[in-house]
Amino acid sequence: MCPRVIHDRLADDRGQQECRCLMRLWWQLGMRYREVTLDRLRANPGEGTPRLVEELIGAVRTSHEAIDDRVEAVEGSRPVVRDRGFEQTGALLRGNVRPTP
């Protein structure tokens, strides 16, 4: 649940550095190695995103109910992130280049 929220709601590519860090965290949640530390996450600019990730991690350490509550809170406060890079690549491949807002 938490990895999906990080990917779908928090990793917005308009903030490249933060998005890159969050995508590394998302990837690492399914792997055995550790690349993203909380210090590294805090060092990347963002509008409350590091706090939300820390709250999700805290919920994982607490209970299933806490995880569900945090996931619902994030899903209720953040829209699904548009993958602008993917959209731009598709437009380039189709020959329909348009600026990304």
PDB file of N, CA and C in Angstrom:
ATOM      1  N   MET A   1       0.811  -1.192   0.000  1.00  0.00           N
ATOM      2  CA  MET A   1       0.000   0.000   0.000  1.00  0.00           C
ATOM      3  C   MET A   1       0.858   1.261   0.000  1.00  0.00           C
ATOM      4  N   CYS A   2       1.807   1.365   0.944  1.00  0.00           N
ATOM      5  CA  CYS A   2       2.639   2.566   1.041  1.00  0.00           C
ATOM      6  C   CYS A   2       3.446   2.827  -0.219  1.00  0.00           C
ATOM      7  N   PRO A   3       4.085   1.804  -0.813  1.00  0.00           N
ATOM      8  CA  PRO A   3       4.834   2.084  -2.045  1.00  0.00           C
ATOM      9  C   PRO A   3       3.938   2.656  -3.143  1.00  0.00           C
ATOM     10  N   ARG A   4       2.709   2.181  -3.255  1.00  0.00           N
ATOM     11  CA  ARG A   4       1.796   2.689  -4.271  1.00  0.00           C
ATOM     12  C   ARG A   4       1.497   4.167  -4.040  1.00  0.00           C
ATOM     13  N   VAL A   5       1.309   4.559  -2.783  1.00  0.00           N
ATOM     14  CA  VAL A   5       1.030   5.953  -2.468  1.00  0.00           C
ATOM     15  C   VAL A   5       2.227   6.829  -2.826  1.00  0.00           C
ATOM     16  N   ILE A   6       3.445   6.359  -2.524  1.00  0.00           N
ATOM     17  CA  ILE A   6       4.642   7.125  -2.872  1.00  0.00           C
ATOM     18  C   ILE A   6       4.710   7.310  -4.381  1.00  0.00           C
ATOM     19  N   HIS A   7       4.497   6.248  -5.126  1.00  0.00           N
ATOM     20  CA  HIS A   7       4.578   6.307  -6.586  1.00  0.00           C
ATOM     21  C   HIS A   7       3.438   7.136  -7.181  1.00  0.00           C
ATOM     22  N   ASP A   8       2.210   6.849  -6.756  1.00  0.00           N
ATOM     23  CA  ASP A   8       1.036   7.445  -7.394  1.00  0.00           C
ATOM     24  C   ASP A   8       0.711   8.864  -6.926  1.00  0.00           C
ATOM     25  N   ARG A   9       1.054   9.222  -5.691  1.00  0.00           N
ATOM     26  CA  ARG A   9       0.588  10.494  -5.143  1.00  0.00           C
ATOM     27  C   ARG A   9       1.700  11.484  -4.787  1.00  0.00           C
ATOM     28  N   LEU A  10       2.909  11.006  -4.538  1.00  0.00           N
ATOM     29  CA  LEU A  10       3.941  11.909  -4.037  1.00  0.00           C
ATOM     30  C   LEU A  10       5.066  12.202  -5.019  1.00  0.00           C
ATOM     31  N   ALA A  11       5.398  11.291  -5.906  1.00  0.00           N
ATOM     32  CA  ALA A  11       6.560  11.459  -6.802  1.00  0.00           C
ATOM     33  C   ALA A  11       6.180  12.255  -8.050  1.00  0.00           C
ATOM     34  N   ASP A  12       6.030  13.545  -7.878  1.00  0.00           N
ATOM     35  CA  ASP A  12       5.647  14.442  -8.974  1.00  0.00           C
ATOM     36  C   ASP A  12       6.906  14.910  -9.698  1.00  0.00           C
ATOM     37  N   ASP A  13       6.973  14.702 -10.996  1.00  0.00           N
ATOM     38  CA  ASP A  13       8.200  15.010 -11.738  1.00  0.00           C
ATOM     39  C   ASP A  13       8.407  16.500 -11.997  1.00  0.00           C
ATOM     40  N   ARG A  14       7.517  17.359 -11.529  1.00  0.00           N
ATOM     41  CA  ARG A  14       7.758  18.797 -11.646  1.00  0.00           C
ATOM     42  C   ARG A  14       8.888  19.224 -10.704  1.00  0.00           C
ATOM     43  N   GLY A  15       9.106  18.456  -9.638  1.00  0.00           N
ATOM     44  CA  GLY A  15      10.251  18.664  -8.749  1.00  0.00           C
ATOM     45  C   GLY A  15      11.217  17.526  -8.995  1.00  0.00           C
ATOM     46  N   GLN A  16      12.109  17.687  -9.962  1.00  0.00           N
ATOM     47  CA  GLN A  16      12.953  16.590 -10.436  1.00  0.00           C
ATOM     48  C   GLN A  16      13.767  15.934  -9.322  1.00  0.00           C
ATOM     49  N   GLN A  17      14.411  16.725  -8.486  1.00  0.00           N
ATOM     50  CA  GLN A  17      15.269  16.156  -7.453  1.00  0.00           C
ATOM     51  C   GLN A  17      14.453  15.349  -6.454  1.00  0.00           C
ATOM     52  N   GLU A  18      13.346  15.914  -5.993  1.00  0.00           N
ATOM     53  CA  GLU A  18      12.488  15.208  -5.056  1.00  0.00           C
ATOM     54  C   GLU A  18      11.905  13.951  -5.697  1.00  0.00           C
ATOM     55  N   CYS A  19      11.446  14.055  -6.931  1.00  0.00           N
ATOM     56  CA  CYS A  19      10.868  12.909  -7.631  1.00  0.00           C
ATOM     57  C   CYS A  19      11.887  11.782  -7.751  1.00  0.00           C
ATOM     58  N   ARG A  20      13.110  12.136  -8.121  1.00  0.00           N
ATOM     59  CA  ARG A  20      14.164  11.133  -8.264  1.00  0.00           C
ATOM     60  C   ARG A  20      14.408  10.418  -6.929  1.00  0.00           C
ATOM     61  N   CYS A  21      14.459  11.186  -5.854  1.00  0.00           N
ATOM     62  CA  CYS A  21      14.675  10.614  -4.530  1.00  0.00           C
ATOM     63  C   CYS A  21      13.505   9.711  -4.125  1.00  0.00           C
ATOM     64  N   LEU A  22      12.281  10.166  -4.356  1.00  0.00           N
ATOM     65  CA  LEU A  22      11.105   9.372  -4.005  1.00  0.00           C
ATOM     66  C   LEU A  22      11.004   8.096  -4.843  1.00  0.00           C
ATOM     67  N   MET A  23      11.365   8.177  -6.119  1.00  0.00           N
ATOM     68  CA  MET A  23      11.323   6.976  -6.956  1.00  0.00           C
ATOM     69  C   MET A  23      12.382   5.972  -6.511  1.00  0.00           C
ATOM     70  N   ARG A  24      13.543   6.465  -6.067  1.00  0.00           N
ATOM     71  CA  ARG A  24      14.555   5.556  -5.512  1.00  0.00           C
ATOM     72  C   ARG A  24      14.033   4.895  -4.242  1.00  0.00           C
ATOM     73  N   LEU A  25      13.356   5.673  -3.390  1.00  0.00           N
ATOM     74  CA  LEU A  25      12.765   5.114  -2.182  1.00  0.00           C
ATOM     75  C   LEU A  25      11.707   4.081  -2.550  1.00  0.00           C
ATOM     76  N   TRP A  26      10.854   4.388  -3.503  1.00  0.00           N
ATOM     77  CA  TRP A  26       9.800   3.468  -3.958  1.00  0.00           C
ATOM     78  C   TRP A  26      10.425   2.153  -4.435  1.00  0.00           C
ATOM     79  N   TRP A  27      11.495   2.252  -5.207  1.00  0.00           N
ATOM     80  CA  TRP A  27      12.175   1.062  -5.718  1.00  0.00           C
ATOM     81  C   TRP A  27      12.797   0.280  -4.565  1.00  0.00           C
ATOM     82  N   GLN A  28      13.421   0.979  -3.640  1.00  0.00           N
ATOM     83  CA  GLN A  28      14.127   0.315  -2.557  1.00  0.00           C
ATOM     84  C   GLN A  28      13.168  -0.406  -1.610  1.00  0.00           C
ATOM     85  N   LEU A  29      11.922   0.048  -1.517  1.00  0.00           N
ATOM     86  CA  LEU A  29      10.967  -0.624  -0.633  1.00  0.00           C
ATOM     87  C   LEU A  29      10.729  -2.080  -1.048  1.00  0.00           C
ATOM     88  N   GLY A  30      10.969  -2.381  -2.321  1.00  0.00           N
ATOM     89  CA  GLY A  30      10.811  -3.751  -2.789  1.00  0.00           C
ATOM     90  C   GLY A  30      12.121  -4.502  -2.930  1.00  0.00           C
ATOM     91  N   MET A  31      13.222  -3.879  -2.557  1.00  0.00           N
ATOM     92  CA  MET A  31      14.546  -4.484  -2.706  1.00  0.00           C
ATOM     93  C   MET A  31      15.203  -4.656  -1.334  1.00  0.00           C
ATOM     94  N   ARG A  32      16.309  -5.365  -1.322  1.00  0.00           N
ATOM     95  CA  ARG A  32      17.027  -5.597  -0.066  1.00  0.00           C
ATOM     96  C   ARG A  32      18.033  -4.498   0.249  1.00  0.00           C
ATOM     97  N   TYR A  33      18.494  -3.766  -0.729  1.00  0.00           N
ATOM     98  CA  TYR A  33      19.508  -2.739  -0.470  1.00  0.00           C
ATOM     99  C   TYR A  33      18.860  -1.426  -0.066  1.00  0.00           C
ATOM    100  N   ARG A  34      19.655  -0.535   0.499  1.00  0.00           N
ATOM    101  CA  ARG A  34      19.165   0.762   0.947  1.00  0.00           C
ATOM    102  C   ARG A  34      19.963   1.861   0.271  1.00  0.00           C
ATOM    103  N   GLU A  35      19.278   2.729  -0.429  1.00  0.00           N
ATOM    104  CA  GLU A  35      19.919   3.839  -1.114  1.00  0.00           C
ATOM    105  C   GLU A  35      19.456   5.182  -0.556  1.00  0.00           C
ATOM    106  N   VAL A  36      18.185   5.281  -0.197  1.00  0.00           N
ATOM    107  CA  VAL A  36      17.623   6.547   0.263  1.00  0.00           C
ATOM    108  C   VAL A  36      17.497   6.517   1.783  1.00  0.00           C
ATOM    109  N   THR A  37      18.148   7.460   2.423  1.00  0.00           N
ATOM    110  CA  THR A  37      18.039   7.613   3.866  1.00  0.00           C
ATOM    111  C   THR A  37      17.053   8.739   4.165  1.00  0.00           C
ATOM    112  N   LEU A  38      16.597   8.812   5.409  1.00  0.00           N
ATOM    113  CA  LEU A  38      15.701   9.904   5.785  1.00  0.00           C
ATOM    114  C   LEU A  38      16.402  11.242   5.643  1.00  0.00           C
ATOM    115  N   ASP A  39      17.700  11.299   5.931  1.00  0.00           N
ATOM    116  CA  ASP A  39      18.443  12.550   5.758  1.00  0.00           C
ATOM    117  C   ASP A  39      18.443  12.983   4.297  1.00  0.00           C
ATOM    118  N   ARG A  40      18.637  12.026   3.408  1.00  0.00           N
ATOM    119  CA  ARG A  40      18.639  12.348   1.975  1.00  0.00           C
ATOM    120  C   ARG A  40      17.248  12.809   1.542  1.00  0.00           C
ATOM    121  N   LEU A  41      16.228  12.156   2.043  1.00  0.00           N
ATOM    122  CA  LEU A  41      14.858  12.541   1.709  1.00  0.00           C
ATOM    123  C   LEU A  41      14.562  13.954   2.210  1.00  0.00           C
ATOM    124  N   ARG A  42      14.994  14.272   3.422  1.00  0.00           N
ATOM    125  CA  ARG A  42      14.761  15.606   3.992  1.00  0.00           C
ATOM    126  C   ARG A  42      15.521  16.691   3.244  1.00  0.00           C
ATOM    127  N   ALA A  43      16.654  16.325   2.628  1.00  0.00           N
ATOM    128  CA  ALA A  43      17.493  17.309   1.935  1.00  0.00           C
ATOM    129  C   ALA A  43      16.890  17.756   0.608  1.00  0.00           C
ATOM    130  N   ASN A  44      15.921  17.037   0.095  1.00  0.00           N
ATOM    131  CA  ASN A  44      15.313  17.376  -1.183  1.00  0.00           C
ATOM    132  C   ASN A  44      14.124  18.292  -0.957  1.00  0.00           C
ATOM    133  N   PRO A  45      14.009  19.323  -1.786  1.00  0.00           N
ATOM    134  CA  PRO A  45      12.920  20.281  -1.585  1.00  0.00           C
ATOM    135  C   PRO A  45      11.564  19.637  -1.840  1.00  0.00           C
ATOM    136  N   GLY A  46      10.574  20.164  -1.195  1.00  0.00           N
ATOM    137  CA  GLY A  46       9.231  19.648  -1.413  1.00  0.00           C
ATOM    138  C   GLY A  46       8.245  20.342  -0.503  1.00  0.00           C
ATOM    139  N   GLU A  47       6.996  20.230  -0.838  1.00  0.00           N
ATOM    140  CA  GLU A  47       5.931  20.863  -0.068  1.00  0.00           C
ATOM    141  C   GLU A  47       5.309  19.837   0.868  1.00  0.00           C
ATOM    142  N   GLY A  48       6.000  19.521   1.946  1.00  0.00           N
ATOM    143  CA  GLY A  48       5.460  18.595   2.930  1.00  0.00           C
ATOM    144  C   GLY A  48       5.621  17.131   2.573  1.00  0.00           C
ATOM    145  N   THR A  49       6.192  16.819   1.421  1.00  0.00           N
ATOM    146  CA  THR A  49       6.311  15.429   1.000  1.00  0.00           C
ATOM    147  C   THR A  49       7.205  14.608   1.927  1.00  0.00           C
ATOM    148  N   PRO A  50       8.387  15.117   2.319  1.00  0.00           N
ATOM    149  CA  PRO A  50       9.201  14.323   3.251  1.00  0.00           C
ATOM    150  C   PRO A  50       8.447  13.985   4.541  1.00  0.00           C
ATOM    151  N   ARG A  51       7.665  14.940   5.050  1.00  0.00           N
ATOM    152  CA  ARG A  51       6.871  14.684   6.258  1.00  0.00           C
ATOM    153  C   ARG A  51       5.860  13.566   6.019  1.00  0.00           C
ATOM    154  N   LEU A  52       5.193  13.592   4.861  1.00  0.00           N
ATOM    155  CA  LEU A  52       4.209  12.546   4.549  1.00  0.00           C
ATOM    156  C   LEU A  52       4.871  11.183   4.455  1.00  0.00           C
ATOM    157  N   VAL A  53       6.060  11.130   3.839  1.00  0.00           N
ATOM    158  CA  VAL A  53       6.775   9.854   3.728  1.00  0.00           C
ATOM    159  C   VAL A  53       7.174   9.355   5.117  1.00  0.00           C
ATOM    160  N   GLU A  54       7.663  10.260   5.963  1.00  0.00           N
ATOM    161  CA  GLU A  54       8.032   9.867   7.325  1.00  0.00           C
ATOM    162  C   GLU A  54       6.813   9.345   8.092  1.00  0.00           C
ATOM    163  N   GLU A  55       5.663   9.979   7.892  1.00  0.00           N
ATOM    164  CA  GLU A  55       4.441   9.515   8.554  1.00  0.00           C
ATOM    165  C   GLU A  55       4.038   8.136   8.050  1.00  0.00           C
ATOM    166  N   LEU A  56       4.204   7.883   6.746  1.00  0.00           N
ATOM    167  CA  LEU A  56       3.911   6.554   6.200  1.00  0.00           C
ATOM    168  C   LEU A  56       4.853   5.506   6.798  1.00  0.00           C
ATOM    169  N   ILE A  57       6.140   5.853   6.899  1.00  0.00           N
ATOM    170  CA  ILE A  57       7.110   4.927   7.488  1.00  0.00           C
ATOM    171  C   ILE A  57       6.759   4.669   8.953  1.00  0.00           C
ATOM    172  N   GLY A  58       6.387   5.713   9.679  1.00  0.00           N
ATOM    173  CA  GLY A  58       5.972   5.539  11.072  1.00  0.00           C
ATOM    174  C   GLY A  58       4.751   4.641  11.188  1.00  0.00           C
ATOM    175  N   ALA A  59       3.817   4.783  10.253  1.00  0.00           N
ATOM    176  CA  ALA A  59       2.618   3.937  10.266  1.00  0.00           C
ATOM    177  C   ALA A  59       2.983   2.475  10.016  1.00  0.00           C
ATOM    178  N   VAL A  60       3.941   2.240   9.119  1.00  0.00           N
ATOM    179  CA  VAL A  60       4.378   0.870   8.839  1.00  0.00           C
ATOM    180  C   VAL A  60       4.944   0.239  10.110  1.00  0.00           C
ATOM    181  N   ARG A  61       5.601   1.039  10.919  1.00  0.00           N
ATOM    182  CA  ARG A  61       6.196   0.535  12.164  1.00  0.00           C
ATOM    183  C   ARG A  61       5.160   0.331  13.266  1.00  0.00           C
ATOM    184  N   THR A  62       3.935   0.816  13.051  1.00  0.00           N
ATOM    185  CA  THR A  62       2.927   0.805  14.105  1.00  0.00           C
ATOM    186  C   THR A  62       1.910  -0.325  13.949  1.00  0.00           C
ATOM    187  N   SER A  63       1.073  -0.229  12.914  1.00  0.00           N
ATOM    188  CA  SER A  63       0.008  -1.223  12.752  1.00  0.00           C
ATOM    189  C   SER A  63      -0.605  -1.131  11.359  1.00  0.00           C
ATOM    190  N   HIS A  64      -1.358  -2.153  10.998  1.00  0.00           N
ATOM    191  CA  HIS A  64      -2.061  -2.146   9.716  1.00  0.00           C
ATOM    192  C   HIS A  64      -3.087  -1.014   9.665  1.00  0.00           C
ATOM    193  N   GLU A  65      -3.736  -0.772  10.795  1.00  0.00           N
ATOM    194  CA  GLU A  65      -4.732   0.293  10.851  1.00  0.00           C
ATOM    195  C   GLU A  65      -4.082   1.656  10.629  1.00  0.00           C
ATOM    196  N   ALA A  66      -2.901   1.847  11.225  1.00  0.00           N
ATOM    197  CA  ALA A  66      -2.185   3.119  11.042  1.00  0.00           C
ATOM    198  C   ALA A  66      -1.781   3.304   9.582  1.00  0.00           C
ATOM    199  N   ILE A  67      -1.370   2.227   8.934  1.00  0.00           N
ATOM    200  CA  ILE A  67      -1.022   2.291   7.513  1.00  0.00           C
ATOM    201  C   ILE A  67      -2.247   2.704   6.707  1.00  0.00           C
ATOM    202  N   ASP A  68      -3.363   2.036   6.940  1.00  0.00           N
ATOM    203  CA  ASP A  68      -4.596   2.368   6.220  1.00  0.00           C
ATOM    204  C   ASP A  68      -4.987   3.829   6.425  1.00  0.00           C
ATOM    205  N   ASP A  69      -4.872   4.314   7.665  1.00  0.00           N
ATOM    206  CA  ASP A  69      -5.222   5.705   7.963  1.00  0.00           C
ATOM    207  C   ASP A  69      -4.325   6.676   7.199  1.00  0.00           C
ATOM    208  N   ARG A  70      -3.004   6.420   7.189  1.00  0.00           N
ATOM    209  CA  ARG A  70      -2.068   7.308   6.493  1.00  0.00           C
ATOM    210  C   ARG A  70      -2.288   7.265   4.985  1.00  0.00           C
ATOM    211  N   VAL A  71      -2.524   6.066   4.438  1.00  0.00           N
ATOM    212  CA  VAL A  71      -2.768   5.942   3.007  1.00  0.00           C
ATOM    213  C   VAL A  71      -4.019   6.721   2.627  1.00  0.00           C
ATOM    214  N   GLU A  72      -5.072   6.578   3.397  1.00  0.00           N
ATOM    215  CA  GLU A  72      -6.307   7.326   3.126  1.00  0.00           C
ATOM    216  C   GLU A  72      -6.075   8.830   3.214  1.00  0.00           C
ATOM    217  N   ALA A  73      -5.288   9.268   4.192  1.00  0.00           N
ATOM    218  CA  ALA A  73      -5.010  10.699   4.343  1.00  0.00           C
ATOM    219  C   ALA A  73      -4.260  11.236   3.127  1.00  0.00           C
ATOM    220  N   VAL A  74      -3.262  10.495   2.656  1.00  0.00           N
ATOM    221  CA  VAL A  74      -2.490  10.954   1.491  1.00  0.00           C
ATOM    222  C   VAL A  74      -3.359  10.923   0.237  1.00  0.00           C
ATOM    223  N   GLU A  75      -4.091   9.841   0.051  1.00  0.00           N
ATOM    224  CA  GLU A  75      -4.946   9.747  -1.131  1.00  0.00           C
ATOM    225  C   GLU A  75      -6.028  10.826  -1.123  1.00  0.00           C
ATOM    226  N   GLY A  76      -6.472  11.218   0.068  1.00  0.00           N
ATOM    227  CA  GLY A  76      -7.487  12.263   0.165  1.00  0.00           C
ATOM    228  C   GLY A  76      -6.937  13.665  -0.046  1.00  0.00           C
ATOM    229  N   SER A  77      -5.633  13.830   0.158  1.00  0.00           N
ATOM    230  CA  SER A  77      -5.056  15.170   0.060  1.00  0.00           C
ATOM    231  C   SER A  77      -4.211  15.400  -1.186  1.00  0.00           C
ATOM    232  N   ARG A  78      -3.841  14.350  -1.877  1.00  0.00           N
ATOM    233  CA  ARG A  78      -2.985  14.488  -3.056  1.00  0.00           C
ATOM    234  C   ARG A  78      -3.607  13.774  -4.247  1.00  0.00           C
ATOM    235  N   PRO A  79      -3.652  14.440  -5.399  1.00  0.00           N
ATOM    236  CA  PRO A  79      -4.166  13.760  -6.597  1.00  0.00           C
ATOM    237  C   PRO A  79      -3.135  12.766  -7.127  1.00  0.00           C
ATOM    238  N   VAL A  80      -3.558  11.900  -8.016  1.00  0.00           N
ATOM    239  CA  VAL A  80      -2.626  10.993  -8.680  1.00  0.00           C
ATOM    240  C   VAL A  80      -1.680  11.836  -9.520  1.00  0.00           C
ATOM    241  N   VAL A  81      -0.401  11.537  -9.436  1.00  0.00           N
ATOM    242  CA  VAL A  81       0.623  12.305 -10.148  1.00  0.00           C
ATOM    243  C   VAL A  81       0.613  11.932 -11.621  1.00  0.00           C
ATOM    244  N   ARG A  82       0.649  12.960 -12.472  1.00  0.00           N
ATOM    245  CA  ARG A  82       0.758  12.715 -13.917  1.00  0.00           C
ATOM    246  C   ARG A  82       2.216  12.430 -14.244  1.00  0.00           C
ATOM    247  N   ASP A  83       2.455  11.411 -15.027  1.00  0.00           N
ATOM    248  CA  ASP A  83       3.823  11.092 -15.460  1.00  0.00           C
ATOM    249  C   ASP A  83       4.106  11.914 -16.712  1.00  0.00           C
ATOM    250  N   ARG A  84       4.560  13.141 -16.527  1.00  0.00           N
ATOM    251  CA  ARG A  84       4.787  14.054 -17.638  1.00  0.00           C
ATOM    252  C   ARG A  84       5.906  13.575 -18.558  1.00  0.00           C
ATOM    253  N   GLY A  85       6.925  12.943 -17.981  1.00  0.00           N
ATOM    254  CA  GLY A  85       8.016  12.420 -18.808  1.00  0.00           C
ATOM    255  C   GLY A  85       7.519  11.356 -19.764  1.00  0.00           C
ATOM    256  N   PHE A  86       6.668  10.461 -19.272  1.00  0.00           N
ATOM    257  CA  PHE A  86       6.099   9.410 -20.112  1.00  0.00           C
ATOM    258  C   PHE A  86       5.205  10.013 -21.184  1.00  0.00           C
ATOM    259  N   GLU A  87       4.397  10.999 -20.793  1.00  0.00           N
ATOM    260  CA  GLU A  87       3.516  11.658 -21.758  1.00  0.00           C
ATOM    261  C   GLU A  87       4.328  12.349 -22.845  1.00  0.00           C
ATOM    262  N   GLN A  88       5.408  13.043 -22.449  1.00  0.00           N
ATOM    263  CA  GLN A  88       6.249  13.756 -23.408  1.00  0.00           C
ATOM    264  C   GLN A  88       6.921  12.763 -24.361  1.00  0.00           C
ATOM    265  N   THR A  89       7.414  11.651 -23.829  1.00  0.00           N
ATOM    266  CA  THR A  89       8.051  10.634 -24.671  1.00  0.00           C
ATOM    267  C   THR A  89       7.060  10.087 -25.684  1.00  0.00           C
ATOM    268  N   GLY A  90       5.838   9.813 -25.238  1.00  0.00           N
ATOM    269  CA  GLY A  90       4.810   9.328 -26.155  1.00  0.00           C
ATOM    270  C   GLY A  90       4.510  10.332 -27.245  1.00  0.00           C
ATOM    271  N   ALA A  91       4.453  11.614 -26.886  1.00  0.00           N
ATOM    272  CA  ALA A  91       4.195  12.668 -27.871  1.00  0.00           C
ATOM    273  C   ALA A  91       5.333  12.751 -28.872  1.00  0.00           C
ATOM    274  N   LEU A  92       6.559  12.628 -28.391  1.00  0.00           N
ATOM    275  CA  LEU A  92       7.709  12.668 -29.301  1.00  0.00           C
ATOM    276  C   LEU A  92       7.665  11.501 -30.283  1.00  0.00           C
ATOM    277  N   LEU A  93       7.330  10.332 -29.779  1.00  0.00           N
ATOM    278  CA  LEU A  93       7.282   9.139 -30.630  1.00  0.00           C
ATOM    279  C   LEU A  93       6.164   9.235 -31.670  1.00  0.00           C
ATOM    280  N   ARG A  94       5.066   9.882 -31.309  1.00  0.00           N
ATOM    281  CA  ARG A  94       3.947  10.051 -32.242  1.00  0.00           C
ATOM    282  C   ARG A  94       4.137  11.259 -33.137  1.00  0.00           C
ATOM    283  N   GLY A  95       5.134  12.081 -32.832  1.00  0.00           N
ATOM    284  CA  GLY A  95       5.359  13.292 -33.604  1.00  0.00           C
ATOM    285  C   GLY A  95       4.475  14.441 -33.173  1.00  0.00           C
ATOM    286  N   ASN A  96       3.850  14.327 -32.023  1.00  0.00           N
ATOM    287  CA  ASN A  96       2.951  15.381 -31.493  1.00  0.00           C
ATOM    288  C   ASN A  96       3.644  16.087 -30.323  1.00  0.00           C
ATOM    289  N   VAL A  97       4.707  16.784 -30.583  1.00  0.00           N
ATOM    290  CA  VAL A  97       5.431  17.434 -29.505  1.00  0.00           C
ATOM    291  C   VAL A  97       4.615  18.606 -28.997  1.00  0.00           C
ATOM    292  N   ARG A  98       4.458  18.674 -27.682  1.00  0.00           N
ATOM    293  CA  ARG A  98       3.761  19.783 -27.062  1.00  0.00           C
ATOM    294  C   ARG A  98       4.466  20.092 -25.739  1.00  0.00           C
ATOM    295  N   PRO A  99       4.455  21.346 -25.330  1.00  0.00           N
ATOM    296  CA  PRO A  99       5.140  21.685 -24.082  1.00  0.00           C
ATOM    297  C   PRO A  99       4.430  21.077 -22.886  1.00  0.00           C
ATOM    298  N   THR A 100       5.196  20.705 -21.892  1.00  0.00           N
ATOM    299  CA  THR A 100       4.636  20.151 -20.656  1.00  0.00           C
ATOM    300  C   THR A 100       4.404  21.296 -19.688  1.00  0.00           C
ATOM    301  N   PRO A 101       3.161  21.453 -19.163  1.00  0.00           N
ATOM    302  CA  PRO A 101       2.869  22.555 -18.226  1.00  0.00           C
ATOM    303  C   PRO A 101       3.587  22.366 -16.904  1.00  0.00           C
TER     304      PRO A 101
END
